[in-house]
Amino acid sequence: MSKLPKTDSIFFVCTEGMVTSVAGAEALKGQLVKNGLYDIKIQHIQLEWIPKDAKIIVCHKNLKDRIQAKVPHAHIVSVTDFLHAPEYAELSKELAAVAA
């Protein structure tokens, strides 16, 4: 992963508010808390609503290309399984290092 930007929000993107992506957002939040990152908000949103100034986005691998086209400057973390993604722990550790 490249150097992450400092941020106060992570956008967790899905196509239609899938239950598994909501659970994945909660799992990511747990990893953030585990690493002392209490002030980073996770915003669960649909693909169409990604703000142009989003810095960090988490999505399913099938959405990565569409999101990159929409927000090319954002750091995108793509996962294959919302519920069991080792990428959450890695992202959380890297954000903790940036915050230090």
C-alpha atoms as a PDB file:
ATOM      1  CA  MET A   1       0.000   0.000   0.000  1.00  0.00           C
ATOM      2  CA  SER A   2       1.181   3.519  -0.690  1.00  0.00           C
ATOM      3  CA  LYS A   3       1.465   6.243   1.927  1.00  0.00           C
ATOM      4  CA  LEU A   4      -2.006   7.076   3.119  1.00  0.00           C
ATOM      5  CA  PRO A   5      -3.324  10.602   3.481  1.00  0.00           C
ATOM      6  CA  LYS A   6      -4.505  11.829   6.862  1.00  0.00           C
ATOM      7  CA  THR A   7      -8.268  11.710   6.966  1.00  0.00           C
ATOM      8  CA  ASP A   8     -11.188  11.923   9.345  1.00  0.00           C
ATOM      9  CA  SER A   9     -13.480   9.838   7.105  1.00  0.00           C
ATOM     10  CA  ILE A  10     -13.343   6.547   5.286  1.00  0.00           C
ATOM     11  CA  PHE A  11     -16.013   5.898   2.693  1.00  0.00           C
ATOM     12  CA  PHE A  12     -17.248   2.319   2.665  1.00  0.00           C
ATOM     13  CA  VAL A  13     -18.890   1.900  -0.724  1.00  0.00           C
ATOM     14  CA  CYS A  14     -21.369  -0.635  -2.017  1.00  0.00           C
ATOM     15  CA  THR A  15     -23.920  -0.684  -4.783  1.00  0.00           C
ATOM     16  CA  GLU A  16     -27.191  -1.012  -2.889  1.00  0.00           C
ATOM     17  CA  GLY A  17     -26.643  -0.937   0.886  1.00  0.00           C
ATOM     18  CA  MET A  18     -25.875  -4.642   1.140  1.00  0.00           C
ATOM     19  CA  VAL A  19     -26.080  -6.075   4.640  1.00  0.00           C
ATOM     20  CA  THR A  20     -22.636  -7.668   4.330  1.00  0.00           C
ATOM     21  CA  SER A  21     -21.041  -4.322   3.495  1.00  0.00           C
ATOM     22  CA  VAL A  22     -22.647  -2.755   6.565  1.00  0.00           C
ATOM     23  CA  ALA A  23     -21.190  -5.580   8.660  1.00  0.00           C
ATOM     24  CA  GLY A  24     -17.838  -5.040   6.938  1.00  0.00           C
ATOM     25  CA  ALA A  25     -17.923  -1.346   7.828  1.00  0.00           C
ATOM     26  CA  GLU A  26     -18.462  -2.341  11.466  1.00  0.00           C
ATOM     27  CA  ALA A  27     -15.528  -4.764  11.293  1.00  0.00           C
ATOM     28  CA  LEU A  28     -13.322  -1.974   9.934  1.00  0.00           C
ATOM     29  CA  LYS A  29     -14.506   0.340  12.717  1.00  0.00           C
ATOM     30  CA  GLY A  30     -13.482  -2.320  15.240  1.00  0.00           C
ATOM     31  CA  GLN A  31      -9.986  -2.418  13.752  1.00  0.00           C
ATOM     32  CA  LEU A  32      -9.738   1.383  13.889  1.00  0.00           C
ATOM     33  CA  VAL A  33     -10.721   1.399  17.557  1.00  0.00           C
ATOM     34  CA  LYS A  34      -8.238  -1.406  18.260  1.00  0.00           C
ATOM     35  CA  ASN A  35      -5.505   0.875  16.920  1.00  0.00           C
ATOM     36  CA  GLY A  36      -6.680   3.927  18.864  1.00  0.00           C
ATOM     37  CA  LEU A  37      -8.302   5.679  15.915  1.00  0.00           C
ATOM     38  CA  TYR A  38     -11.501   6.832  17.585  1.00  0.00           C
ATOM     39  CA  ASP A  39     -12.027   9.975  15.503  1.00  0.00           C
ATOM     40  CA  ILE A  40     -12.152   8.442  12.026  1.00  0.00           C
ATOM     41  CA  LYS A  41     -15.722   8.157  10.821  1.00  0.00           C
ATOM     42  CA  ILE A  42     -16.806   5.404   8.492  1.00  0.00           C
ATOM     43  CA  GLN A  43     -19.441   6.569   6.087  1.00  0.00           C
ATOM     44  CA  HIS A  44     -21.323   3.737   4.431  1.00  0.00           C
ATOM     45  CA  ILE A  45     -22.556   5.046   1.084  1.00  0.00           C
ATOM     46  CA  GLN A  46     -23.655   3.936  -2.334  1.00  0.00           C
ATOM     47  CA  LEU A  47     -21.356   4.245  -5.323  1.00  0.00           C
ATOM     48  CA  GLU A  48     -23.273   7.166  -6.823  1.00  0.00           C
ATOM     49  CA  TRP A  49     -22.804   9.291  -3.694  1.00  0.00           C
ATOM     50  CA  ILE A  50     -19.014   9.189  -3.313  1.00  0.00           C
ATOM     51  CA  PRO A  51     -17.846  12.753  -2.749  1.00  0.00           C
ATOM     52  CA  LYS A  52     -15.204  14.048  -5.167  1.00  0.00           C
ATOM     53  CA  ASP A  53     -12.911  14.904  -2.226  1.00  0.00           C
ATOM     54  CA  ALA A  54     -12.949  11.392  -0.708  1.00  0.00           C
ATOM     55  CA  LYS A  55      -9.428  10.404   0.345  1.00  0.00           C
ATOM     56  CA  ILE A  56      -9.856   6.749   1.385  1.00  0.00           C
ATOM     57  CA  ILE A  57     -12.454   4.361   0.026  1.00  0.00           C
ATOM     58  CA  VAL A  58     -13.113   0.709   0.880  1.00  0.00           C
ATOM     59  CA  CYS A  59     -15.085  -1.358  -1.620  1.00  0.00           C
ATOM     60  CA  HIS A  60     -15.590  -4.810  -3.057  1.00  0.00           C
ATOM     61  CA  LYS A  61     -13.022  -5.664  -5.734  1.00  0.00           C
ATOM     62  CA  ASN A  62     -15.746  -5.642  -8.400  1.00  0.00           C
ATOM     63  CA  LEU A  63     -16.312  -1.908  -7.849  1.00  0.00           C
ATOM     64  CA  LYS A  64     -12.689  -0.765  -7.828  1.00  0.00           C
ATOM     65  CA  ASP A  65     -12.450   0.230 -11.501  1.00  0.00           C
ATOM     66  CA  ARG A  66     -15.704   2.197 -11.405  1.00  0.00           C
ATOM     67  CA  ILE A  67     -14.624   4.021  -8.267  1.00  0.00           C
ATOM     68  CA  GLN A  68     -11.165   4.813  -9.675  1.00  0.00           C
ATOM     69  CA  ALA A  69     -12.813   6.340 -12.721  1.00  0.00           C
ATOM     70  CA  LYS A  70     -15.066   8.477 -10.512  1.00  0.00           C
ATOM     71  CA  VAL A  71     -12.482   9.502  -7.875  1.00  0.00           C
ATOM     72  CA  PRO A  72      -9.034   8.911  -9.406  1.00  0.00           C
ATOM     73  CA  HIS A  73      -7.068  10.616  -6.610  1.00  0.00           C
ATOM     74  CA  ALA A  74      -8.562   8.491  -3.799  1.00  0.00           C
ATOM     75  CA  HIS A  75      -6.727   5.649  -2.087  1.00  0.00           C
ATOM     76  CA  ILE A  76      -8.910   2.597  -2.726  1.00  0.00           C
ATOM     77  CA  VAL A  77      -8.815  -0.550  -0.626  1.00  0.00           C
ATOM     78  CA  SER A  78     -10.620  -3.354  -2.417  1.00  0.00           C
ATOM     79  CA  VAL A  79     -11.659  -6.534  -0.646  1.00  0.00           C
ATOM     80  CA  THR A  80     -13.035  -9.864  -1.809  1.00  0.00           C
ATOM     81  CA  ASP A  81     -15.038 -10.621   1.345  1.00  0.00           C
ATOM     82  CA  PHE A  82     -16.605  -7.809   3.377  1.00  0.00           C
ATOM     83  CA  LEU A  83     -16.920  -9.957   6.490  1.00  0.00           C
ATOM     84  CA  HIS A  84     -13.424 -11.496   6.604  1.00  0.00           C
ATOM     85  CA  ALA A  85     -11.064  -8.939   5.091  1.00  0.00           C
ATOM     86  CA  PRO A  86      -7.475  -8.874   6.358  1.00  0.00           C
ATOM     87  CA  GLU A  87      -7.183  -5.542   4.543  1.00  0.00           C
ATOM     88  CA  TYR A  88      -9.061  -3.857   7.423  1.00  0.00           C
ATOM     89  CA  ALA A  89      -6.286  -4.608   9.922  1.00  0.00           C
ATOM     90  CA  GLU A  90      -3.616  -3.500   7.449  1.00  0.00           C
ATOM     91  CA  LEU A  91      -5.435  -0.240   6.646  1.00  0.00           C
ATOM     92  CA  SER A  92      -5.999   0.455  10.333  1.00  0.00           C
ATOM     93  CA  LYS A  93      -2.319  -0.054  11.187  1.00  0.00           C
ATOM     94  CA  GLU A  94      -1.205   2.189   8.347  1.00  0.00           C
ATOM     95  CA  LEU A  95      -3.639   4.922   9.400  1.00  0.00           C
ATOM     96  CA  ALA A  96      -2.344   4.677  12.969  1.00  0.00           C
ATOM     97  CA  ALA A  97       1.201   5.166  11.668  1.00  0.00           C
ATOM     98  CA  VAL A  98       0.113   8.233   9.669  1.00  0.00           C
ATOM     99  CA  ALA A  99      -1.642   9.662  12.732  1.00  0.00           C
ATOM    100  CA  ALA A 100       1.407   9.204  14.991  1.00  0.00           C
END
